[in-house]
N, C-alpha and C. Protein backbone atom coordinates (compact mmCIF):
# COMPACT_ATOMS: atom_id res chain seq x y z
N MET A 1 17.58 -7.35 -87.80
CA MET A 1 17.39 -8.06 -89.06
C MET A 1 18.65 -8.82 -89.43
N ARG A 2 18.49 -10.08 -89.84
CA ARG A 2 19.62 -10.92 -90.24
C ARG A 2 19.85 -10.76 -91.74
N TRP A 3 21.13 -10.61 -92.11
CA TRP A 3 21.48 -10.40 -93.51
C TRP A 3 22.28 -11.59 -94.03
N GLY A 4 21.70 -12.32 -94.99
CA GLY A 4 22.39 -13.44 -95.62
C GLY A 4 23.15 -12.98 -96.85
N ALA A 5 23.77 -13.95 -97.53
CA ALA A 5 24.58 -13.63 -98.71
C ALA A 5 23.73 -13.01 -99.81
N ASP A 6 22.54 -13.53 -100.03
CA ASP A 6 21.69 -13.00 -101.10
C ASP A 6 21.27 -11.56 -100.80
N GLU A 7 20.94 -11.29 -99.53
CA GLU A 7 20.53 -9.94 -99.15
C GLU A 7 21.69 -8.95 -99.32
N MET A 8 22.91 -9.37 -98.97
CA MET A 8 24.05 -8.47 -99.10
C MET A 8 24.41 -8.25 -100.57
N ASP A 9 24.20 -9.26 -101.41
CA ASP A 9 24.40 -9.06 -102.85
C ASP A 9 23.45 -7.98 -103.37
N GLU A 10 22.22 -7.97 -102.86
CA GLU A 10 21.25 -6.96 -103.28
C GLU A 10 21.66 -5.58 -102.77
N VAL A 11 22.24 -5.51 -101.55
CA VAL A 11 22.74 -4.24 -101.01
C VAL A 11 23.83 -3.69 -101.92
N ARG A 12 24.76 -4.55 -102.35
CA ARG A 12 25.87 -4.10 -103.22
C ARG A 12 25.33 -3.63 -104.56
N ARG A 13 24.36 -4.35 -105.10
CA ARG A 13 23.76 -3.96 -106.38
C ARG A 13 23.08 -2.60 -106.26
N LYS A 14 22.34 -2.40 -105.16
CA LYS A 14 21.62 -1.15 -104.97
C LYS A 14 22.60 0.01 -104.77
N LEU A 15 23.66 -0.22 -104.02
CA LEU A 15 24.64 0.84 -103.79
C LEU A 15 25.30 1.26 -105.10
N GLU A 16 25.65 0.28 -105.93
CA GLU A 16 26.27 0.62 -107.22
C GLU A 16 25.28 1.41 -108.09
N GLU A 17 24.02 1.04 -108.04
CA GLU A 17 22.99 1.76 -108.80
C GLU A 17 22.86 3.20 -108.33
N LEU A 18 22.88 3.41 -107.01
CA LEU A 18 22.78 4.76 -106.45
C LEU A 18 23.98 5.61 -106.85
N ILE A 19 25.18 5.01 -106.83
CA ILE A 19 26.39 5.73 -107.21
C ILE A 19 26.31 6.17 -108.67
N GLN A 20 25.86 5.28 -109.54
CA GLN A 20 25.76 5.62 -110.96
C GLN A 20 24.70 6.68 -111.20
N ASP A 21 23.56 6.56 -110.53
CA ASP A 21 22.48 7.53 -110.71
C ASP A 21 22.90 8.92 -110.24
N ARG A 22 23.70 9.01 -109.18
CA ARG A 22 24.14 10.30 -108.66
C ARG A 22 25.29 10.88 -109.49
N GLY A 23 25.91 10.07 -110.36
CA GLY A 23 27.04 10.54 -111.15
C GLY A 23 28.33 10.59 -110.35
N CYS A 24 28.41 9.79 -109.29
CA CYS A 24 29.63 9.73 -108.47
C CYS A 24 30.51 8.59 -108.98
N ASN A 25 31.59 8.33 -108.27
CA ASN A 25 32.42 7.16 -108.53
C ASN A 25 32.80 6.52 -107.21
N TYR A 26 33.41 5.34 -107.30
CA TYR A 26 33.75 4.61 -106.07
C TYR A 26 34.66 5.44 -105.16
N ALA A 27 35.66 6.09 -105.75
CA ALA A 27 36.66 6.80 -104.96
C ALA A 27 36.02 7.97 -104.20
N SER A 28 35.14 8.74 -104.87
CA SER A 28 34.54 9.90 -104.20
C SER A 28 33.63 9.47 -103.06
N VAL A 29 32.92 8.36 -103.24
CA VAL A 29 32.05 7.87 -102.17
C VAL A 29 32.89 7.33 -101.01
N SER A 30 34.01 6.69 -101.33
CA SER A 30 34.92 6.23 -100.28
C SER A 30 35.44 7.41 -99.47
N ARG A 31 35.80 8.51 -100.16
CA ARG A 31 36.28 9.70 -99.46
C ARG A 31 35.20 10.30 -98.57
N LEU A 32 33.95 10.22 -99.03
CA LEU A 32 32.84 10.71 -98.21
C LEU A 32 32.82 10.03 -96.85
N LEU A 33 33.21 8.75 -96.83
CA LEU A 33 33.22 7.97 -95.59
C LEU A 33 34.53 8.12 -94.82
N GLY A 34 35.49 8.86 -95.39
CA GLY A 34 36.79 8.98 -94.75
C GLY A 34 37.62 7.73 -94.89
N ARG A 35 37.35 6.95 -95.95
CA ARG A 35 38.05 5.69 -96.17
C ARG A 35 39.05 5.84 -97.31
N ASN A 36 39.87 4.78 -97.51
CA ASN A 36 40.79 4.80 -98.65
C ASN A 36 39.99 4.71 -99.94
N ALA A 37 40.58 5.16 -101.03
CA ALA A 37 39.86 5.33 -102.30
C ALA A 37 39.26 4.04 -102.85
N ALA A 38 39.81 2.89 -102.47
CA ALA A 38 39.35 1.60 -103.02
C ALA A 38 38.30 0.93 -102.14
N TYR A 39 37.92 1.56 -101.04
CA TYR A 39 37.06 0.89 -100.05
C TYR A 39 35.72 0.45 -100.65
N ILE A 40 35.01 1.37 -101.29
CA ILE A 40 33.68 1.04 -101.82
C ILE A 40 33.79 0.06 -102.99
N GLN A 41 34.80 0.22 -103.83
CA GLN A 41 34.98 -0.72 -104.94
C GLN A 41 35.20 -2.14 -104.42
N GLN A 42 35.99 -2.27 -103.37
CA GLN A 42 36.24 -3.60 -102.81
C GLN A 42 34.98 -4.18 -102.19
N PHE A 43 34.17 -3.31 -101.56
CA PHE A 43 32.92 -3.79 -100.97
C PHE A 43 31.97 -4.30 -102.05
N ILE A 44 31.84 -3.54 -103.14
CA ILE A 44 30.89 -3.91 -104.18
C ILE A 44 31.41 -5.06 -105.03
N ARG A 45 32.66 -5.02 -105.44
CA ARG A 45 33.20 -5.99 -106.38
C ARG A 45 33.72 -7.27 -105.74
N ARG A 46 34.29 -7.14 -104.53
CA ARG A 46 34.92 -8.30 -103.88
C ARG A 46 34.19 -8.79 -102.65
N GLY A 47 33.23 -8.01 -102.18
CA GLY A 47 32.52 -8.42 -100.97
C GLY A 47 33.33 -8.24 -99.71
N THR A 48 34.30 -7.32 -99.74
CA THR A 48 35.15 -7.04 -98.57
C THR A 48 35.06 -5.55 -98.23
N PRO A 49 34.57 -5.21 -97.03
CA PRO A 49 34.07 -6.10 -95.97
C PRO A 49 32.73 -6.73 -96.36
N ARG A 50 32.32 -7.73 -95.61
CA ARG A 50 31.06 -8.39 -95.94
C ARG A 50 29.89 -7.45 -95.75
N ARG A 51 29.97 -6.62 -94.71
CA ARG A 51 28.94 -5.62 -94.45
C ARG A 51 29.59 -4.29 -94.14
N LEU A 52 28.93 -3.21 -94.48
CA LEU A 52 29.40 -1.88 -94.12
C LEU A 52 29.14 -1.62 -92.64
N GLU A 53 30.02 -0.84 -92.03
CA GLU A 53 29.81 -0.48 -90.64
C GLU A 53 28.57 0.41 -90.50
N LYS A 54 27.99 0.37 -89.32
CA LYS A 54 26.75 1.12 -89.06
C LYS A 54 26.92 2.60 -89.38
N SER A 55 28.06 3.18 -88.98
CA SER A 55 28.29 4.61 -89.23
C SER A 55 28.39 4.90 -90.73
N ASP A 56 28.99 3.98 -91.49
CA ASP A 56 29.08 4.16 -92.95
C ASP A 56 27.70 4.09 -93.59
N VAL A 57 26.90 3.15 -93.14
CA VAL A 57 25.53 3.01 -93.67
C VAL A 57 24.74 4.28 -93.44
N GLU A 58 24.88 4.86 -92.24
CA GLU A 58 24.12 6.07 -91.92
C GLU A 58 24.54 7.24 -92.80
N VAL A 59 25.85 7.40 -93.04
CA VAL A 59 26.33 8.48 -93.90
C VAL A 59 25.82 8.28 -95.32
N LEU A 60 25.92 7.07 -95.84
CA LEU A 60 25.50 6.80 -97.22
C LEU A 60 23.98 6.97 -97.37
N ALA A 61 23.23 6.54 -96.37
CA ALA A 61 21.77 6.67 -96.44
C ALA A 61 21.37 8.14 -96.51
N ARG A 62 22.04 8.99 -95.72
CA ARG A 62 21.74 10.43 -95.77
C ARG A 62 22.15 11.02 -97.11
N PHE A 63 23.32 10.60 -97.62
CA PHE A 63 23.83 11.16 -98.86
C PHE A 63 22.92 10.82 -100.04
N PHE A 64 22.47 9.55 -100.10
CA PHE A 64 21.66 9.12 -101.25
C PHE A 64 20.16 9.29 -101.01
N GLY A 65 19.78 9.68 -99.81
CA GLY A 65 18.37 9.90 -99.53
C GLY A 65 17.54 8.64 -99.48
N VAL A 66 18.10 7.57 -98.90
CA VAL A 66 17.38 6.31 -98.78
C VAL A 66 17.35 5.88 -97.32
N GLU A 67 16.51 4.90 -97.00
CA GLU A 67 16.47 4.35 -95.65
C GLU A 67 17.71 3.49 -95.42
N PRO A 68 18.26 3.49 -94.19
CA PRO A 68 19.45 2.67 -93.91
C PRO A 68 19.29 1.20 -94.26
N ILE A 69 18.07 0.66 -94.15
CA ILE A 69 17.86 -0.75 -94.42
C ILE A 69 18.20 -1.11 -95.87
N VAL A 70 18.09 -0.13 -96.79
CA VAL A 70 18.42 -0.36 -98.20
C VAL A 70 19.89 -0.72 -98.36
N LEU A 71 20.73 -0.20 -97.46
CA LEU A 71 22.18 -0.40 -97.56
C LEU A 71 22.72 -1.32 -96.48
N GLY A 72 21.83 -2.13 -95.91
CA GLY A 72 22.29 -3.12 -94.95
C GLY A 72 22.17 -2.69 -93.51
N GLY A 73 21.50 -1.58 -93.25
CA GLY A 73 21.33 -1.10 -91.89
C GLY A 73 20.04 -1.59 -91.27
N GLN A 74 19.70 -1.00 -90.15
CA GLN A 74 18.49 -1.39 -89.44
C GLN A 74 17.34 -0.46 -89.84
N PRO A 75 16.11 -0.95 -89.79
CA PRO A 75 14.96 -0.09 -90.10
C PRO A 75 14.92 1.12 -89.17
N THR A 76 14.48 2.25 -89.71
CA THR A 76 14.34 3.46 -88.91
C THR A 76 13.16 3.30 -87.96
N PRO A 77 13.36 3.53 -86.65
CA PRO A 77 12.25 3.40 -85.70
C PRO A 77 11.10 4.32 -86.07
N ALA A 78 9.90 3.83 -85.88
CA ALA A 78 8.72 4.65 -86.21
C ALA A 78 8.53 5.77 -85.20
N GLU A 79 8.96 5.48 -83.94
CA GLU A 79 8.75 6.48 -82.90
C GLU A 79 9.75 7.63 -83.05
N GLN A 80 9.29 8.83 -82.88
CA GLN A 80 10.14 10.03 -82.94
C GLN A 80 10.05 10.76 -81.60
N SER A 81 11.18 11.20 -81.08
CA SER A 81 11.19 11.95 -79.83
C SER A 81 10.76 13.39 -80.08
N ASP A 82 9.96 13.92 -79.13
CA ASP A 82 9.55 15.32 -79.23
C ASP A 82 10.64 16.26 -78.75
N ASP A 83 11.61 15.71 -78.03
CA ASP A 83 12.70 16.53 -77.49
C ASP A 83 13.80 16.65 -78.52
N LEU A 84 13.76 17.70 -79.33
CA LEU A 84 14.72 17.88 -80.40
C LEU A 84 15.83 18.83 -79.98
N VAL A 85 17.04 18.52 -80.44
CA VAL A 85 18.19 19.39 -80.20
C VAL A 85 18.17 20.48 -81.27
N GLN A 86 18.18 21.73 -80.86
CA GLN A 86 18.08 22.85 -81.78
C GLN A 86 19.47 23.32 -82.23
N VAL A 87 19.69 23.32 -83.54
CA VAL A 87 20.96 23.77 -84.11
C VAL A 87 20.69 25.06 -84.89
N PRO A 88 21.45 26.14 -84.61
CA PRO A 88 21.18 27.42 -85.27
C PRO A 88 21.57 27.43 -86.74
N VAL A 89 20.76 28.11 -87.54
CA VAL A 89 21.06 28.36 -88.95
C VAL A 89 21.56 29.79 -89.04
N LEU A 90 22.80 29.97 -89.51
CA LEU A 90 23.40 31.31 -89.55
C LEU A 90 23.15 31.98 -90.90
N ASP A 91 23.05 33.29 -90.86
CA ASP A 91 22.80 34.08 -92.06
C ASP A 91 24.11 34.39 -92.78
N VAL A 92 24.82 33.32 -93.17
CA VAL A 92 26.06 33.44 -93.94
C VAL A 92 26.09 32.32 -94.96
N THR A 93 26.97 32.47 -95.94
CA THR A 93 27.19 31.41 -96.92
C THR A 93 28.65 31.02 -96.91
N ALA A 94 28.92 29.74 -97.23
CA ALA A 94 30.28 29.26 -97.41
C ALA A 94 30.47 29.01 -98.89
N SER A 95 31.38 29.70 -99.51
CA SER A 95 31.52 29.65 -100.94
C SER A 95 32.12 28.33 -101.41
N ALA A 96 31.49 27.74 -102.42
CA ALA A 96 32.09 26.65 -103.18
C ALA A 96 32.32 27.21 -104.57
N GLY A 97 33.00 28.33 -104.60
CA GLY A 97 33.28 29.04 -105.84
C GLY A 97 34.40 30.01 -105.61
N HIS A 98 34.16 31.27 -105.80
CA HIS A 98 35.23 32.27 -105.73
C HIS A 98 35.31 33.00 -104.40
N GLY A 99 34.48 32.62 -103.43
CA GLY A 99 34.58 33.27 -102.12
C GLY A 99 33.38 34.13 -101.84
N ALA A 100 32.74 33.91 -100.72
CA ALA A 100 31.56 34.69 -100.36
C ALA A 100 31.93 35.62 -99.22
N ILE A 101 31.68 36.90 -99.40
CA ILE A 101 31.97 37.87 -98.35
C ILE A 101 30.91 37.74 -97.27
N THR A 102 31.36 37.67 -96.03
CA THR A 102 30.42 37.48 -94.93
C THR A 102 30.25 38.78 -94.16
N GLY A 103 29.03 38.98 -93.71
CA GLY A 103 28.76 40.10 -92.83
C GLY A 103 28.66 39.58 -91.41
N ALA A 104 27.79 40.17 -90.63
CA ALA A 104 27.59 39.69 -89.27
C ALA A 104 26.98 38.30 -89.32
N GLU A 105 27.57 37.38 -88.58
CA GLU A 105 27.11 36.00 -88.61
C GLU A 105 25.97 35.85 -87.60
N GLN A 106 24.77 36.20 -88.03
CA GLN A 106 23.62 36.23 -87.14
C GLN A 106 22.75 34.99 -87.36
N GLN A 107 22.19 34.53 -86.27
CA GLN A 107 21.27 33.40 -86.34
C GLN A 107 19.95 33.87 -86.94
N THR A 108 19.43 33.12 -87.91
CA THR A 108 18.15 33.47 -88.51
C THR A 108 17.04 32.53 -88.04
N THR A 109 17.37 31.29 -87.78
CA THR A 109 16.37 30.31 -87.32
C THR A 109 17.11 29.13 -86.72
N ARG A 110 16.37 28.11 -86.34
CA ARG A 110 16.96 26.88 -85.82
C ARG A 110 16.29 25.68 -86.46
N ILE A 111 17.04 24.58 -86.56
CA ILE A 111 16.49 23.32 -87.04
C ILE A 111 16.64 22.30 -85.92
N GLY A 112 15.56 21.56 -85.63
CA GLY A 112 15.58 20.57 -84.56
C GLY A 112 15.99 19.20 -85.07
N PHE A 113 16.87 18.53 -84.33
CA PHE A 113 17.34 17.18 -84.68
C PHE A 113 17.11 16.24 -83.50
N ASP A 114 16.75 15.01 -83.82
CA ASP A 114 16.64 14.00 -82.79
C ASP A 114 18.00 13.80 -82.12
N GLU A 115 18.03 13.75 -80.80
CA GLU A 115 19.30 13.68 -80.07
C GLU A 115 20.09 12.44 -80.42
N ASN A 116 19.43 11.28 -80.51
CA ASN A 116 20.14 10.05 -80.85
C ASN A 116 20.70 10.09 -82.26
N TRP A 117 19.93 10.65 -83.19
CA TRP A 117 20.42 10.77 -84.56
C TRP A 117 21.61 11.71 -84.61
N LEU A 118 21.53 12.84 -83.91
CA LEU A 118 22.61 13.81 -83.93
C LEU A 118 23.88 13.22 -83.31
N ARG A 119 23.73 12.38 -82.29
CA ARG A 119 24.89 11.75 -81.65
C ARG A 119 25.60 10.82 -82.64
N GLY A 120 24.85 10.27 -83.59
CA GLY A 120 25.47 9.43 -84.61
C GLY A 120 26.26 10.22 -85.64
N VAL A 121 25.95 11.52 -85.75
CA VAL A 121 26.65 12.39 -86.69
C VAL A 121 27.92 12.95 -86.09
N THR A 122 27.83 13.38 -84.83
CA THR A 122 28.98 14.00 -84.17
C THR A 122 28.85 13.85 -82.67
N SER A 123 29.98 13.73 -82.01
CA SER A 123 29.99 13.64 -80.54
C SER A 123 30.06 15.03 -79.90
N SER A 124 30.13 16.08 -80.71
CA SER A 124 30.23 17.45 -80.20
C SER A 124 28.94 17.90 -79.54
N ARG A 125 29.08 18.83 -78.62
CA ARG A 125 27.92 19.44 -78.00
C ARG A 125 27.19 20.31 -79.03
N SER A 126 25.87 20.42 -78.86
CA SER A 126 25.06 21.17 -79.83
C SER A 126 25.50 22.63 -79.89
N ALA A 127 26.08 23.15 -78.81
CA ALA A 127 26.54 24.54 -78.80
C ALA A 127 27.67 24.77 -79.78
N ASN A 128 28.34 23.70 -80.21
CA ASN A 128 29.45 23.82 -81.16
C ASN A 128 29.01 23.63 -82.61
N LEU A 129 27.71 23.48 -82.84
CA LEU A 129 27.22 23.18 -84.18
C LEU A 129 26.47 24.38 -84.76
N SER A 130 26.66 24.59 -86.07
CA SER A 130 25.93 25.61 -86.80
C SER A 130 25.65 25.09 -88.20
N ILE A 131 24.62 25.65 -88.82
CA ILE A 131 24.26 25.29 -90.20
C ILE A 131 24.39 26.54 -91.07
N ILE A 132 25.10 26.39 -92.19
CA ILE A 132 25.24 27.49 -93.15
C ILE A 132 24.99 26.96 -94.55
N ARG A 133 24.79 27.86 -95.49
CA ARG A 133 24.44 27.47 -96.85
C ARG A 133 25.66 27.54 -97.77
N VAL A 134 25.75 26.58 -98.69
CA VAL A 134 26.83 26.52 -99.67
C VAL A 134 26.48 27.41 -100.86
N HIS A 135 27.45 28.17 -101.32
CA HIS A 135 27.26 29.05 -102.47
C HIS A 135 28.30 28.70 -103.54
N GLY A 136 27.86 28.36 -104.74
CA GLY A 136 28.78 28.04 -105.83
C GLY A 136 28.86 26.55 -106.12
N ASP A 137 29.69 26.19 -107.10
CA ASP A 137 29.70 24.81 -107.59
C ASP A 137 31.08 24.16 -107.58
N SER A 138 32.04 24.71 -106.84
CA SER A 138 33.39 24.15 -106.90
C SER A 138 33.51 22.82 -106.18
N MET A 139 32.50 22.46 -105.37
CA MET A 139 32.57 21.18 -104.66
C MET A 139 31.62 20.14 -105.25
N GLU A 140 31.09 20.40 -106.44
CA GLU A 140 30.28 19.38 -107.11
C GLU A 140 31.15 18.20 -107.51
N PRO A 141 30.63 16.96 -107.47
CA PRO A 141 29.22 16.61 -107.20
C PRO A 141 28.90 16.39 -105.73
N MET A 142 29.90 16.51 -104.85
CA MET A 142 29.65 16.23 -103.43
C MET A 142 28.68 17.24 -102.83
N LEU A 143 28.94 18.54 -103.03
CA LEU A 143 28.07 19.58 -102.52
C LEU A 143 27.62 20.47 -103.67
N LEU A 144 26.34 20.81 -103.67
CA LEU A 144 25.77 21.63 -104.73
C LEU A 144 25.42 23.01 -104.19
N HIS A 145 25.29 23.95 -105.10
CA HIS A 145 24.86 25.31 -104.74
C HIS A 145 23.51 25.23 -104.03
N GLY A 146 23.42 25.86 -102.87
CA GLY A 146 22.17 25.86 -102.12
C GLY A 146 22.09 24.80 -101.03
N ASP A 147 23.01 23.84 -101.02
CA ASP A 147 23.03 22.84 -99.94
C ASP A 147 23.25 23.52 -98.60
N GLU A 148 22.73 22.93 -97.56
CA GLU A 148 22.98 23.40 -96.20
C GLU A 148 23.89 22.41 -95.49
N VAL A 149 24.96 22.92 -94.89
CA VAL A 149 25.93 22.05 -94.24
C VAL A 149 25.97 22.33 -92.74
N MET A 150 26.08 21.25 -91.96
CA MET A 150 26.27 21.39 -90.52
C MET A 150 27.76 21.39 -90.23
N VAL A 151 28.22 22.41 -89.54
CA VAL A 151 29.64 22.60 -89.26
C VAL A 151 29.89 22.39 -87.77
N ASP A 152 30.84 21.51 -87.46
CA ASP A 152 31.27 21.30 -86.07
C ASP A 152 32.40 22.27 -85.79
N LEU A 153 32.11 23.34 -85.08
CA LEU A 153 33.08 24.39 -84.83
C LEU A 153 34.19 23.95 -83.88
N ALA A 154 33.97 22.86 -83.16
CA ALA A 154 34.98 22.36 -82.22
C ALA A 154 35.93 21.37 -82.87
N ASP A 155 35.66 21.02 -84.12
CA ASP A 155 36.49 20.03 -84.83
C ASP A 155 37.34 20.77 -85.85
N GLY A 156 38.52 21.18 -85.42
CA GLY A 156 39.38 22.00 -86.29
C GLY A 156 40.79 21.49 -86.35
N PRO A 157 41.79 22.38 -86.29
CA PRO A 157 43.19 22.01 -86.50
C PRO A 157 43.72 20.96 -85.54
N ALA A 158 43.23 20.94 -84.30
CA ALA A 158 43.76 20.00 -83.31
C ALA A 158 43.49 18.55 -83.69
N ARG A 159 42.40 18.31 -84.44
CA ARG A 159 42.04 16.95 -84.85
C ARG A 159 42.04 16.81 -86.37
N LEU A 160 42.83 17.62 -87.05
CA LEU A 160 42.76 17.70 -88.50
C LEU A 160 42.99 16.35 -89.16
N ARG A 161 42.12 16.02 -90.12
CA ARG A 161 42.20 14.79 -90.89
C ARG A 161 41.53 15.02 -92.22
N ASP A 162 41.64 14.05 -93.13
CA ASP A 162 41.01 14.20 -94.43
C ASP A 162 39.51 14.44 -94.26
N GLY A 163 38.97 15.36 -95.04
CA GLY A 163 37.55 15.63 -94.95
C GLY A 163 37.21 16.98 -95.52
N ILE A 164 35.96 17.39 -95.38
CA ILE A 164 35.47 18.66 -95.89
C ILE A 164 35.37 19.65 -94.73
N TYR A 165 35.93 20.85 -94.93
CA TYR A 165 35.98 21.86 -93.88
C TYR A 165 35.49 23.20 -94.42
N VAL A 166 35.02 24.04 -93.51
CA VAL A 166 34.76 25.43 -93.83
C VAL A 166 35.99 26.22 -93.37
N LEU A 167 36.52 27.05 -94.29
CA LEU A 167 37.72 27.82 -94.04
C LEU A 167 37.38 29.31 -94.09
N ARG A 168 38.11 30.10 -93.32
CA ARG A 168 37.95 31.56 -93.39
C ARG A 168 39.19 32.15 -94.02
N MET A 169 38.99 32.90 -95.09
CA MET A 169 40.09 33.57 -95.79
C MET A 169 39.74 35.04 -95.90
N ASP A 170 40.43 35.88 -95.09
CA ASP A 170 40.10 37.30 -94.97
C ASP A 170 38.65 37.43 -94.54
N ASP A 171 37.80 38.03 -95.38
CA ASP A 171 36.39 38.21 -95.02
C ASP A 171 35.49 37.21 -95.73
N ALA A 172 36.05 36.10 -96.20
CA ALA A 172 35.26 35.14 -96.96
C ALA A 172 35.30 33.77 -96.29
N LEU A 173 34.18 33.05 -96.38
CA LEU A 173 34.13 31.66 -95.97
C LEU A 173 34.12 30.79 -97.22
N SER A 174 34.88 29.70 -97.19
CA SER A 174 34.90 28.77 -98.30
C SER A 174 34.79 27.35 -97.75
N VAL A 175 34.13 26.50 -98.52
CA VAL A 175 34.04 25.09 -98.15
C VAL A 175 34.90 24.30 -99.14
N LYS A 176 35.87 23.55 -98.61
CA LYS A 176 36.82 22.82 -99.44
C LYS A 176 37.16 21.48 -98.80
N ARG A 177 37.69 20.59 -99.61
CA ARG A 177 38.18 19.32 -99.09
C ARG A 177 39.63 19.48 -98.65
N ILE A 178 39.94 18.96 -97.48
CA ILE A 178 41.31 18.99 -96.96
C ILE A 178 41.89 17.58 -97.05
N ALA A 179 43.11 17.49 -97.60
CA ALA A 179 43.81 16.21 -97.70
C ALA A 179 45.17 16.36 -97.05
N LEU A 180 45.48 15.50 -96.10
CA LEU A 180 46.78 15.52 -95.46
C LEU A 180 47.82 14.92 -96.40
N GLU A 181 48.94 15.60 -96.57
CA GLU A 181 50.00 15.11 -97.43
C GLU A 181 51.01 14.30 -96.61
N PRO A 182 51.64 13.29 -97.23
CA PRO A 182 52.52 12.39 -96.47
C PRO A 182 53.83 13.03 -96.03
N GLN A 183 54.15 14.23 -96.51
CA GLN A 183 55.44 14.84 -96.20
C GLN A 183 55.54 15.34 -94.76
N GLY A 184 54.44 15.39 -94.05
CA GLY A 184 54.49 15.89 -92.67
C GLY A 184 53.33 16.81 -92.38
N ARG A 185 53.60 18.10 -92.17
CA ARG A 185 52.56 19.05 -91.78
C ARG A 185 51.92 19.75 -92.97
N LYS A 186 52.24 19.34 -94.16
CA LYS A 186 51.66 19.97 -95.34
C LYS A 186 50.27 19.40 -95.63
N ILE A 187 49.41 20.24 -96.20
CA ILE A 187 48.07 19.82 -96.57
C ILE A 187 47.74 20.32 -97.97
N SER A 188 46.72 19.72 -98.57
CA SER A 188 46.15 20.20 -99.82
C SER A 188 44.74 20.72 -99.55
N VAL A 189 44.40 21.83 -100.19
CA VAL A 189 43.04 22.38 -100.16
C VAL A 189 42.46 22.13 -101.55
N VAL A 190 41.45 21.27 -101.62
CA VAL A 190 41.03 20.69 -102.90
C VAL A 190 39.60 21.09 -103.25
N SER A 191 39.40 21.46 -104.52
CA SER A 191 38.06 21.63 -105.09
C SER A 191 37.68 20.34 -105.79
N ASP A 192 36.54 19.73 -105.42
CA ASP A 192 36.13 18.49 -106.06
C ASP A 192 35.83 18.68 -107.54
N ASN A 193 35.33 19.86 -107.90
CA ASN A 193 35.07 20.19 -109.30
C ASN A 193 36.39 20.60 -109.96
N GLN A 194 36.85 19.82 -110.92
CA GLN A 194 38.16 20.04 -111.51
C GLN A 194 38.25 21.33 -112.33
N ALA A 195 37.11 21.98 -112.55
CA ALA A 195 37.15 23.26 -113.25
C ALA A 195 37.66 24.39 -112.35
N TYR A 196 37.82 24.09 -111.05
CA TYR A 196 38.29 25.08 -110.09
C TYR A 196 39.66 24.68 -109.57
N PRO A 197 40.44 25.65 -109.09
CA PRO A 197 41.80 25.35 -108.64
C PRO A 197 41.83 24.63 -107.30
N SER A 198 42.92 23.90 -107.08
CA SER A 198 43.25 23.33 -105.78
C SER A 198 44.64 23.81 -105.41
N TRP A 199 44.98 23.75 -104.13
CA TRP A 199 46.28 24.21 -103.66
C TRP A 199 46.96 23.10 -102.88
N HIS A 200 48.23 22.86 -103.19
CA HIS A 200 48.95 21.76 -102.58
C HIS A 200 50.20 22.28 -101.86
N GLY A 201 50.67 21.49 -100.91
CA GLY A 201 51.90 21.83 -100.21
C GLY A 201 51.77 23.00 -99.27
N LEU A 202 50.57 23.22 -98.71
CA LEU A 202 50.36 24.35 -97.79
C LEU A 202 50.71 23.94 -96.36
N ASP A 203 51.29 24.86 -95.63
CA ASP A 203 51.48 24.66 -94.20
C ASP A 203 50.13 24.83 -93.52
N ARG A 204 49.71 23.83 -92.76
CA ARG A 204 48.38 23.88 -92.15
C ARG A 204 48.19 25.09 -91.24
N ARG A 205 49.30 25.67 -90.76
CA ARG A 205 49.19 26.81 -89.85
C ARG A 205 48.72 28.07 -90.55
N VAL A 206 48.82 28.12 -91.89
CA VAL A 206 48.40 29.33 -92.60
C VAL A 206 46.92 29.26 -92.99
N VAL A 207 46.28 28.12 -92.74
CA VAL A 207 44.87 27.96 -93.10
C VAL A 207 44.02 28.18 -91.85
N ASN A 208 43.01 29.04 -91.97
CA ASN A 208 42.13 29.37 -90.84
C ASN A 208 40.89 28.48 -90.91
N PHE A 209 40.88 27.45 -90.07
CA PHE A 209 39.78 26.49 -90.07
C PHE A 209 38.64 26.99 -89.19
N VAL A 210 37.44 27.04 -89.76
CA VAL A 210 36.25 27.38 -88.99
C VAL A 210 35.70 26.13 -88.32
N GLY A 211 35.64 25.03 -89.05
CA GLY A 211 35.13 23.77 -88.50
C GLY A 211 34.97 22.74 -89.59
N ARG A 212 34.66 21.54 -89.18
CA ARG A 212 34.52 20.41 -90.10
C ARG A 212 33.05 20.22 -90.47
N VAL A 213 32.79 19.96 -91.74
CA VAL A 213 31.44 19.67 -92.20
C VAL A 213 31.11 18.22 -91.83
N VAL A 214 30.04 18.03 -91.04
CA VAL A 214 29.69 16.70 -90.57
C VAL A 214 28.38 16.18 -91.15
N TRP A 215 27.64 17.06 -91.85
CA TRP A 215 26.34 16.64 -92.43
C TRP A 215 25.92 17.70 -93.43
N PHE A 216 25.14 17.29 -94.42
CA PHE A 216 24.54 18.29 -95.30
C PHE A 216 23.13 17.89 -95.69
N GLY A 217 22.33 18.90 -96.01
CA GLY A 217 20.97 18.68 -96.47
C GLY A 217 20.76 19.34 -97.81
N ARG A 218 19.86 18.77 -98.60
CA ARG A 218 19.65 19.26 -99.96
C ARG A 218 18.16 19.27 -100.30
N LYS A 219 17.73 20.33 -100.94
CA LYS A 219 16.36 20.40 -101.42
C LYS A 219 16.20 19.53 -102.65
N VAL A 220 15.17 18.70 -102.67
CA VAL A 220 14.91 17.84 -103.82
C VAL A 220 14.24 18.67 -104.91
N GLN A 221 14.84 18.64 -106.09
CA GLN A 221 14.31 19.44 -107.20
C GLN A 221 13.12 18.75 -107.85
């Protein structure tokens, strides 16, 4: 599909509407994409870049629950492959609050994903992926209580970058935002909900990373 100036103006208008309806802001949506805080504002207000990258469109479409074409992407193919990649759902929770005590991390079921779609989410092998449930509200509005997150267990300290991670602290799993600090090896562990504490100036070696959150799903109320 070819996108002209008028069509891209409509994409920017729709994206701004989705952001307002979700109660987000430009900076938080930019962080969702792993971009600088002004990225989405510049796209909507200044038209820079002229179009969002394909990977950004896919992340935003999943986050807002719309088809990629709404945000300047390509229509979703009607054909679906029967060969689905099975990702295990573990019987544990990752706290977005005060910490969830974990027991045996046992598989309860599996969710099947289209292989091509999953490759767009992560380049990791399916054996490195697990799905767990979020407990608590410290990561609102990005993650809500009851959301299910896909964790890439192979994406940890060796490739550490800004993003949302599942951390293990003693017998508890927590889901938090990690921000690299400019001083060197220090990091911040951040709660998106300002009613909860964040920690700054931590040595990354003292944080036990389980994996990086690469996708989440939410039940529509």
